[in-house]
Structures are given as C-alpha cells and as structure tokens.
C-alpha cells in the first residue's frame, strides 16, 4: 500500500471530520463516549527482540495513557502477545489481519494512530485507517508532542 496521507480521500475525511489530525487525549476522550478505541500501532519490519519490545512498549504506553483518561482501548499487538504468549505476529499475512486484527477493528468505535512518522508510514497502520474510514469510524492521529517512549 502506498502512502495514503496525501491522498484526496484523506483530505476529504479531514474536511468531513472523520479524520482528526493532531488530536489530544482530551479531544479523543471528549468524543469517544463509551465506545472502544482501536490502537493502530506500527509493527516492526523485522521481529527482533528489541524491535518487539519497543513495539509492545509503545502499544502499552498508549493503552495506559488513554486508560488514565477513562478511554477504553484495545491493541491487537498486546492481545496477540497476551493470548498467544508470542512476542508478536506477522500482520503482513492477509489471513492474520483478517482473522485477528480486522475483527478487533470491527468491534471498535474509533481508531487511534499514535504519533510518529514511522507509525504513520507503517502499511499496517495505513490499512487500519483506510478500513476504519471505509466503515464510517472516526480516526484520531495523535499530536507528536509526547514523551520519548510514546513516539516511534
């Protein structure tokens, strides 16, 4: 998938309010209501121990941050690590995404994209954004002004 962020569809989603760029946790909290949020975190290109820990640490950081504000979120990466006991899974495989990530996304009311250029460039995150917008789910791209742990 090519970079989606400069497309006309994305510009239209921003104009329509479906895609909120530079969102704060307060903003997400005020619009989330009681719905579940899907954390669209970047997957490492290579599953090394360090990359996996950084990836899971980033997902957990955002899970906790939103939890402090009462926003309920779910991360397919964290769920996979807890349920399977593995450090990660290959979201490149269509069967993995369709069998694991897509059902979680379908159950969610909105999507959160953590800050950072690597996160926004990740094809898995872009796929989640396109799928969410296609299903009339609001997407929040978080502002970059965050501590080092929360930025990939």
N, C-alpha and C. Protein backbone atom coordinates (compact mmCIF):
# COMPACT_ATOMS: atom_id res chain seq x y z
N UNK A 1 0.86 -1.18 0.00
CA UNK A 1 0.00 0.00 0.00
C UNK A 1 0.90 1.24 0.00
N UNK A 2 0.60 2.17 -0.85
CA UNK A 2 1.39 3.40 -0.90
C UNK A 2 0.97 4.32 0.24
N UNK A 3 1.77 5.35 0.44
CA UNK A 3 1.48 6.31 1.50
C UNK A 3 0.14 6.98 1.22
N UNK A 4 -0.76 6.91 2.17
CA UNK A 4 -2.13 7.40 1.97
C UNK A 4 -2.33 8.84 2.41
N UNK A 5 -1.40 9.37 3.19
CA UNK A 5 -1.67 10.61 3.93
C UNK A 5 -1.85 11.84 3.05
N UNK A 6 -1.41 11.81 1.81
CA UNK A 6 -1.57 12.95 0.92
C UNK A 6 -2.69 12.75 -0.10
N UNK A 7 -3.47 11.71 0.05
CA UNK A 7 -4.50 11.40 -0.93
C UNK A 7 -5.72 12.31 -0.79
N UNK A 8 -6.48 12.41 -1.86
CA UNK A 8 -7.73 13.18 -1.83
C UNK A 8 -8.73 12.60 -0.84
N UNK A 9 -8.73 11.26 -0.72
CA UNK A 9 -9.65 10.61 0.24
C UNK A 9 -9.34 11.05 1.66
N UNK A 10 -8.08 11.14 1.99
CA UNK A 10 -7.69 11.56 3.34
C UNK A 10 -8.05 13.03 3.55
N UNK A 11 -7.79 13.86 2.57
CA UNK A 11 -8.17 15.28 2.68
C UNK A 11 -9.68 15.42 2.88
N UNK A 12 -10.44 14.61 2.16
CA UNK A 12 -11.90 14.64 2.31
C UNK A 12 -12.34 14.17 3.69
N UNK A 13 -11.67 13.14 4.22
CA UNK A 13 -12.00 12.63 5.56
C UNK A 13 -11.69 13.69 6.62
N UNK A 14 -10.61 14.44 6.43
CA UNK A 14 -10.27 15.52 7.36
C UNK A 14 -11.34 16.61 7.29
N UNK A 15 -11.69 16.99 6.08
CA UNK A 15 -12.70 18.05 5.91
C UNK A 15 -14.05 17.64 6.49
N UNK A 16 -14.38 16.36 6.40
CA UNK A 16 -15.67 15.87 6.90
C UNK A 16 -15.65 15.59 8.40
N UNK A 17 -14.47 15.66 9.02
CA UNK A 17 -14.35 15.41 10.45
C UNK A 17 -14.19 13.95 10.84
N UNK A 18 -14.07 13.08 9.86
CA UNK A 18 -13.86 11.66 10.16
C UNK A 18 -12.43 11.38 10.58
N UNK A 19 -11.50 12.20 10.11
CA UNK A 19 -10.08 12.04 10.45
C UNK A 19 -9.63 13.31 11.16
N UNK A 20 -9.23 13.14 12.41
CA UNK A 20 -8.79 14.27 13.23
C UNK A 20 -7.27 14.18 13.36
N UNK A 21 -6.56 15.13 12.78
CA UNK A 21 -5.10 15.14 12.80
C UNK A 21 -4.62 16.06 13.91
N UNK A 22 -3.61 15.62 14.66
CA UNK A 22 -3.07 16.42 15.76
C UNK A 22 -3.96 16.38 16.99
N UNK A 23 -4.63 15.26 17.18
CA UNK A 23 -5.58 15.13 18.30
C UNK A 23 -4.85 15.03 19.64
N UNK A 24 -5.50 15.51 20.66
CA UNK A 24 -5.01 15.36 22.03
C UNK A 24 -5.83 14.26 22.71
N UNK A 25 -5.31 13.75 23.81
CA UNK A 25 -6.05 12.73 24.54
C UNK A 25 -7.36 13.32 25.06
N UNK A 26 -7.34 14.58 25.47
CA UNK A 26 -8.58 15.24 25.92
C UNK A 26 -9.63 15.23 24.82
N UNK A 27 -9.19 15.53 23.59
CA UNK A 27 -10.13 15.57 22.46
C UNK A 27 -10.72 14.19 22.19
N UNK A 28 -9.87 13.18 22.19
CA UNK A 28 -10.35 11.82 21.97
C UNK A 28 -11.32 11.44 23.08
N UNK A 29 -10.95 11.76 24.30
CA UNK A 29 -11.78 11.43 25.45
C UNK A 29 -13.16 12.07 25.35
N UNK A 30 -13.20 13.32 24.89
CA UNK A 30 -14.49 14.02 24.81
C UNK A 30 -15.38 13.48 23.70
N UNK A 31 -14.79 12.86 22.67
CA UNK A 31 -15.57 12.35 21.55
C UNK A 31 -15.78 10.84 21.59
N UNK A 32 -15.05 10.15 22.44
CA UNK A 32 -15.10 8.69 22.46
C UNK A 32 -16.38 8.12 23.05
N UNK A 33 -16.93 8.82 24.00
CA UNK A 33 -18.10 8.28 24.68
C UNK A 33 -17.76 6.98 25.36
N UNK A 34 -18.63 6.01 25.25
CA UNK A 34 -18.40 4.71 25.88
C UNK A 34 -17.90 3.68 24.88
N UNK A 35 -17.51 4.14 23.71
CA UNK A 35 -17.06 3.20 22.68
C UNK A 35 -15.62 2.76 22.92
N UNK A 36 -15.27 1.64 22.33
CA UNK A 36 -13.94 1.06 22.42
C UNK A 36 -13.07 1.63 21.32
N UNK A 37 -11.84 2.01 21.65
CA UNK A 37 -10.89 2.53 20.67
C UNK A 37 -9.86 1.47 20.27
N UNK A 38 -9.53 1.45 19.01
CA UNK A 38 -8.55 0.51 18.44
C UNK A 38 -7.22 1.23 18.31
N UNK A 39 -6.18 0.72 18.96
CA UNK A 39 -4.85 1.32 18.85
C UNK A 39 -4.13 0.76 17.63
N UNK A 40 -3.95 1.58 16.63
CA UNK A 40 -3.27 1.17 15.40
C UNK A 40 -1.79 1.49 15.55
N UNK A 41 -1.05 0.54 16.11
CA UNK A 41 0.38 0.76 16.33
C UNK A 41 1.19 0.11 15.22
N UNK A 42 2.37 0.67 14.98
CA UNK A 42 3.24 0.16 13.93
C UNK A 42 3.81 -1.20 14.32
N UNK A 43 3.99 -2.04 13.31
CA UNK A 43 4.63 -3.33 13.52
C UNK A 43 6.06 -3.23 13.03
N UNK A 44 7.00 -3.86 13.74
CA UNK A 44 8.39 -3.82 13.29
C UNK A 44 8.54 -4.50 11.94
N UNK A 45 9.48 -4.00 11.15
CA UNK A 45 9.74 -4.64 9.86
C UNK A 45 10.35 -6.02 10.07
N UNK A 46 11.17 -6.15 11.10
CA UNK A 46 11.80 -7.41 11.45
C UNK A 46 11.54 -7.68 12.92
N UNK A 47 11.13 -8.89 13.24
CA UNK A 47 10.80 -9.22 14.63
C UNK A 47 12.03 -9.61 15.41
N UNK A 48 12.85 -8.62 15.74
CA UNK A 48 13.96 -8.85 16.66
C UNK A 48 13.43 -8.63 18.08
N UNK A 49 14.16 -9.10 19.05
CA UNK A 49 13.73 -8.92 20.44
C UNK A 49 13.59 -7.43 20.78
N UNK A 50 14.54 -6.63 20.34
CA UNK A 50 14.50 -5.19 20.64
C UNK A 50 13.31 -4.51 19.95
N UNK A 51 13.12 -4.81 18.67
CA UNK A 51 12.01 -4.20 17.93
C UNK A 51 10.67 -4.61 18.52
N UNK A 52 10.57 -5.87 18.92
CA UNK A 52 9.33 -6.36 19.50
C UNK A 52 9.03 -5.66 20.82
N UNK A 53 10.05 -5.55 21.68
CA UNK A 53 9.84 -4.86 22.95
C UNK A 53 9.48 -3.39 22.76
N UNK A 54 10.12 -2.74 21.79
CA UNK A 54 9.78 -1.34 21.51
C UNK A 54 8.34 -1.23 21.01
N UNK A 55 7.96 -2.11 20.13
CA UNK A 55 6.61 -2.11 19.57
C UNK A 55 5.57 -2.36 20.67
N UNK A 56 5.76 -3.40 21.45
CA UNK A 56 4.80 -3.70 22.51
C UNK A 56 4.82 -2.62 23.59
N UNK A 57 6.00 -2.06 23.88
CA UNK A 57 6.09 -0.97 24.85
C UNK A 57 5.32 0.25 24.40
N UNK A 58 5.41 0.56 23.12
CA UNK A 58 4.67 1.71 22.58
C UNK A 58 3.16 1.47 22.67
N UNK A 59 2.73 0.28 22.30
CA UNK A 59 1.30 -0.05 22.37
C UNK A 59 0.81 0.03 23.81
N UNK A 60 1.60 -0.49 24.74
CA UNK A 60 1.21 -0.48 26.15
C UNK A 60 1.20 0.95 26.71
N UNK A 61 2.17 1.76 26.30
CA UNK A 61 2.22 3.16 26.73
C UNK A 61 0.90 3.86 26.39
N UNK A 62 0.45 3.70 25.15
CA UNK A 62 -0.78 4.37 24.72
C UNK A 62 -2.01 3.77 25.37
N UNK A 63 -2.01 2.48 25.57
CA UNK A 63 -3.10 1.82 26.29
C UNK A 63 -3.24 2.44 27.68
N UNK A 64 -2.13 2.60 28.38
CA UNK A 64 -2.15 3.20 29.72
C UNK A 64 -2.54 4.67 29.68
N UNK A 65 -1.96 5.42 28.76
CA UNK A 65 -2.26 6.86 28.67
C UNK A 65 -3.76 7.10 28.51
N UNK A 66 -4.37 6.38 27.60
CA UNK A 66 -5.81 6.56 27.39
C UNK A 66 -6.61 6.05 28.58
N UNK A 67 -6.14 4.99 29.21
CA UNK A 67 -6.81 4.48 30.39
C UNK A 67 -6.88 5.49 31.52
N UNK A 68 -5.84 6.29 31.66
CA UNK A 68 -5.83 7.35 32.69
C UNK A 68 -6.93 8.37 32.46
N UNK A 69 -7.36 8.50 31.23
CA UNK A 69 -8.41 9.46 30.88
C UNK A 69 -9.78 8.79 30.74
N UNK A 70 -9.84 7.51 31.09
CA UNK A 70 -11.10 6.78 31.03
C UNK A 70 -11.49 6.32 29.64
N UNK A 71 -10.57 6.39 28.69
CA UNK A 71 -10.85 5.93 27.33
C UNK A 71 -10.45 4.46 27.23
N UNK A 72 -11.40 3.64 26.87
CA UNK A 72 -11.14 2.20 26.74
C UNK A 72 -10.57 1.91 25.36
N UNK A 73 -9.40 1.28 25.35
CA UNK A 73 -8.75 0.96 24.08
C UNK A 73 -8.37 -0.51 24.05
N UNK A 74 -8.13 -0.98 22.85
CA UNK A 74 -7.65 -2.35 22.64
C UNK A 74 -6.56 -2.30 21.57
N UNK A 75 -5.54 -3.11 21.78
CA UNK A 75 -4.43 -3.19 20.84
C UNK A 75 -4.28 -4.63 20.37
N UNK A 76 -4.45 -4.89 19.08
CA UNK A 76 -4.25 -6.26 18.59
C UNK A 76 -2.86 -6.80 18.93
N UNK A 77 -1.85 -5.92 18.93
CA UNK A 77 -0.50 -6.37 19.26
C UNK A 77 -0.41 -6.87 20.70
N UNK A 78 -0.99 -6.11 21.63
CA UNK A 78 -0.96 -6.53 23.03
C UNK A 78 -1.80 -7.78 23.24
N UNK A 79 -2.96 -7.84 22.59
CA UNK A 79 -3.80 -9.04 22.71
C UNK A 79 -3.07 -10.27 22.19
N UNK A 80 -2.41 -10.14 21.06
CA UNK A 80 -1.69 -11.28 20.49
C UNK A 80 -0.59 -11.75 21.44
N UNK A 81 0.12 -10.81 22.03
CA UNK A 81 1.20 -11.17 22.96
C UNK A 81 0.64 -11.87 24.19
N UNK A 82 -0.51 -11.39 24.70
CA UNK A 82 -1.09 -11.99 25.89
C UNK A 82 -1.74 -13.35 25.60
N UNK A 83 -2.46 -13.44 24.51
CA UNK A 83 -3.21 -14.66 24.21
C UNK A 83 -2.31 -15.78 23.70
N UNK A 84 -1.39 -15.45 22.81
CA UNK A 84 -0.56 -16.48 22.21
C UNK A 84 0.73 -16.72 22.98
N UNK A 85 1.12 -15.77 23.82
CA UNK A 85 2.38 -15.89 24.53
C UNK A 85 3.57 -15.62 23.65
N UNK A 86 3.31 -15.18 22.41
CA UNK A 86 4.39 -14.86 21.49
C UNK A 86 4.67 -13.36 21.55
N UNK A 87 5.88 -13.00 21.11
CA UNK A 87 6.25 -11.59 21.13
C UNK A 87 5.56 -10.78 20.06
N UNK A 88 5.00 -11.41 19.09
CA UNK A 88 4.35 -10.68 18.02
C UNK A 88 3.83 -11.65 16.97
N UNK A 89 3.22 -11.10 15.97
CA UNK A 89 2.72 -11.92 14.88
C UNK A 89 2.90 -11.15 13.60
N UNK A 90 2.80 -11.85 12.50
CA UNK A 90 3.05 -11.23 11.21
C UNK A 90 1.77 -10.66 10.64
N UNK A 91 1.61 -9.36 10.80
CA UNK A 91 0.40 -8.71 10.28
C UNK A 91 0.46 -8.53 8.77
N UNK A 92 1.59 -8.91 8.17
CA UNK A 92 1.70 -8.83 6.71
C UNK A 92 0.81 -9.87 6.05
N UNK A 93 0.60 -10.98 6.72
CA UNK A 93 -0.21 -12.04 6.13
C UNK A 93 -1.68 -11.65 6.20
N UNK A 94 -2.34 -11.70 5.06
CA UNK A 94 -3.75 -11.31 5.00
C UNK A 94 -4.59 -12.14 5.95
N UNK A 95 -4.29 -13.42 6.07
CA UNK A 95 -5.08 -14.28 6.95
C UNK A 95 -4.95 -13.86 8.41
N UNK A 96 -3.76 -13.40 8.81
CA UNK A 96 -3.56 -12.94 10.18
C UNK A 96 -4.36 -11.68 10.42
N UNK A 97 -4.31 -10.75 9.47
CA UNK A 97 -5.04 -9.50 9.65
C UNK A 97 -6.54 -9.77 9.67
N UNK A 98 -7.02 -10.56 8.71
CA UNK A 98 -8.46 -10.84 8.63
C UNK A 98 -8.96 -11.65 9.82
N UNK A 99 -8.14 -12.53 10.34
CA UNK A 99 -8.56 -13.38 11.44
C UNK A 99 -8.36 -12.78 12.81
N UNK A 100 -7.44 -11.82 12.92
CA UNK A 100 -7.10 -11.28 14.24
C UNK A 100 -7.40 -9.79 14.34
N UNK A 101 -6.79 -9.00 13.49
CA UNK A 101 -6.91 -7.54 13.60
C UNK A 101 -8.27 -7.02 13.15
N UNK A 102 -8.75 -7.48 12.02
CA UNK A 102 -9.99 -6.95 11.48
C UNK A 102 -11.18 -7.14 12.42
N UNK A 103 -11.35 -8.30 13.06
CA UNK A 103 -12.47 -8.43 14.00
C UNK A 103 -12.37 -7.45 15.17
N UNK A 104 -11.16 -7.20 15.64
CA UNK A 104 -10.97 -6.23 16.72
C UNK A 104 -11.34 -4.83 16.23
N UNK A 105 -10.89 -4.50 15.02
CA UNK A 105 -11.22 -3.20 14.43
C UNK A 105 -12.73 -3.07 14.23
N UNK A 106 -13.37 -4.13 13.76
CA UNK A 106 -14.82 -4.10 13.53
C UNK A 106 -15.59 -3.87 14.82
N UNK A 107 -15.06 -4.35 15.93
CA UNK A 107 -15.73 -4.19 17.23
C UNK A 107 -15.48 -2.81 17.86
N UNK A 108 -14.57 -2.06 17.27
CA UNK A 108 -14.19 -0.77 17.82
C UNK A 108 -15.00 0.37 17.22
N UNK A 109 -15.19 1.41 17.99
CA UNK A 109 -15.95 2.57 17.53
C UNK A 109 -15.11 3.63 16.86
N UNK A 110 -13.80 3.60 17.10
CA UNK A 110 -12.90 4.58 16.51
C UNK A 110 -11.48 4.03 16.54
N UNK A 111 -10.58 4.69 15.82
CA UNK A 111 -9.19 4.25 15.72
C UNK A 111 -8.28 5.37 16.21
N UNK A 112 -7.24 4.98 16.94
CA UNK A 112 -6.22 5.92 17.41
C UNK A 112 -4.91 5.56 16.74
N UNK A 113 -4.28 6.55 16.09
CA UNK A 113 -2.96 6.38 15.49
C UNK A 113 -1.98 7.16 16.36
N UNK A 114 -1.11 6.45 17.11
CA UNK A 114 -0.12 7.14 17.93
C UNK A 114 0.80 8.00 17.08
N UNK A 115 1.47 8.97 17.71
CA UNK A 115 2.31 9.88 16.94
C UNK A 115 3.58 9.22 16.42
N UNK A 116 4.19 9.90 15.49
CA UNK A 116 5.48 9.47 14.97
C UNK A 116 5.43 9.13 13.50
N UNK A 117 6.44 9.55 12.77
CA UNK A 117 6.47 9.28 11.32
C UNK A 117 6.54 7.80 10.98
N UNK A 118 7.21 6.98 11.79
CA UNK A 118 7.28 5.55 11.49
C UNK A 118 5.91 4.90 11.65
N UNK A 119 5.15 5.37 12.62
CA UNK A 119 3.80 4.83 12.81
C UNK A 119 2.93 5.18 11.62
N UNK A 120 2.95 6.44 11.21
CA UNK A 120 2.12 6.86 10.09
C UNK A 120 2.56 6.23 8.77
N UNK A 121 3.85 5.89 8.65
CA UNK A 121 4.35 5.28 7.42
C UNK A 121 4.10 3.77 7.37
N UNK A 122 3.79 3.18 8.48
CA UNK A 122 3.60 1.72 8.55
C UNK A 122 2.40 1.31 7.69
N UNK A 123 2.60 0.37 6.76
CA UNK A 123 1.48 -0.05 5.90
C UNK A 123 0.34 -0.69 6.69
N UNK A 124 0.62 -1.30 7.83
CA UNK A 124 -0.43 -1.91 8.64
C UNK A 124 -1.32 -0.83 9.25
N UNK A 125 -0.71 0.24 9.71
CA UNK A 125 -1.47 1.36 10.27
C UNK A 125 -2.31 2.00 9.17
N UNK A 126 -1.72 2.20 8.00
CA UNK A 126 -2.45 2.79 6.89
C UNK A 126 -3.65 1.91 6.51
N UNK A 127 -3.47 0.60 6.50
CA UNK A 127 -4.57 -0.32 6.20
C UNK A 127 -5.68 -0.16 7.24
N UNK A 128 -5.30 -0.06 8.52
CA UNK A 128 -6.29 0.13 9.57
C UNK A 128 -7.06 1.43 9.39
N UNK A 129 -6.36 2.50 9.01
CA UNK A 129 -7.00 3.80 8.81
C UNK A 129 -8.00 3.73 7.65
N UNK A 130 -7.57 3.17 6.53
CA UNK A 130 -8.45 3.07 5.36
C UNK A 130 -9.68 2.22 5.70
N UNK A 131 -9.46 1.11 6.38
CA UNK A 131 -10.58 0.23 6.75
C UNK A 131 -11.54 0.95 7.69
N UNK A 132 -11.00 1.66 8.66
CA UNK A 132 -11.85 2.39 9.61
C UNK A 132 -12.67 3.46 8.91
N UNK A 133 -12.03 4.24 8.07
CA UNK A 133 -12.75 5.31 7.37
C UNK A 133 -13.80 4.72 6.42
N UNK A 134 -13.48 3.60 5.81
CA UNK A 134 -14.45 2.93 4.92
C UNK A 134 -15.68 2.46 5.68
N UNK A 135 -15.50 2.17 6.96
CA UNK A 135 -16.60 1.72 7.80
C UNK A 135 -17.21 2.83 8.64
N UNK A 136 -16.96 4.07 8.25
CA UNK A 136 -17.50 5.24 8.96
C UNK A 136 -17.11 5.28 10.43
N UNK A 137 -15.83 4.99 10.69
CA UNK A 137 -15.29 5.11 12.03
C UNK A 137 -14.35 6.30 12.05
N UNK A 138 -14.45 7.09 13.10
CA UNK A 138 -13.57 8.25 13.24
C UNK A 138 -12.16 7.76 13.54
N UNK A 139 -11.17 8.46 12.98
CA UNK A 139 -9.76 8.15 13.20
C UNK A 139 -9.10 9.38 13.81
N UNK A 140 -8.34 9.16 14.90
CA UNK A 140 -7.60 10.23 15.57
C UNK A 140 -6.11 9.97 15.37
N UNK A 141 -5.44 10.90 14.70
CA UNK A 141 -3.98 10.84 14.58
C UNK A 141 -3.45 11.76 15.67
N UNK A 142 -2.77 11.17 16.62
CA UNK A 142 -2.36 11.91 17.80
C UNK A 142 -1.26 12.93 17.49
N UNK A 143 -1.25 14.01 18.27
CA UNK A 143 -0.22 15.04 18.15
C UNK A 143 1.13 14.45 18.53
N UNK A 144 2.21 15.01 17.98
CA UNK A 144 3.55 14.48 18.21
C UNK A 144 4.19 14.90 19.52
N UNK A 145 3.63 15.84 20.23
CA UNK A 145 4.26 16.36 21.44
C UNK A 145 4.03 15.40 22.62
N UNK A 146 4.88 14.36 22.64
CA UNK A 146 4.74 13.32 23.67
C UNK A 146 6.13 12.92 24.13
N UNK A 147 6.21 12.23 25.26
CA UNK A 147 7.49 11.72 25.76
C UNK A 147 8.11 10.72 24.79
N UNK A 148 9.38 10.46 24.94
CA UNK A 148 10.13 9.63 24.01
C UNK A 148 9.57 8.21 23.88
N UNK A 149 9.06 7.64 24.97
CA UNK A 149 8.56 6.27 24.89
C UNK A 149 7.37 6.13 23.96
N UNK A 150 6.53 7.17 23.89
CA UNK A 150 5.33 7.09 23.08
C UNK A 150 5.52 7.47 21.63
N UNK A 151 6.74 7.71 21.22
CA UNK A 151 6.98 8.10 19.83
C UNK A 151 7.90 7.09 19.19
N UNK A 152 7.45 6.51 18.09
CA UNK A 152 8.31 5.60 17.33
C UNK A 152 9.00 6.35 16.23
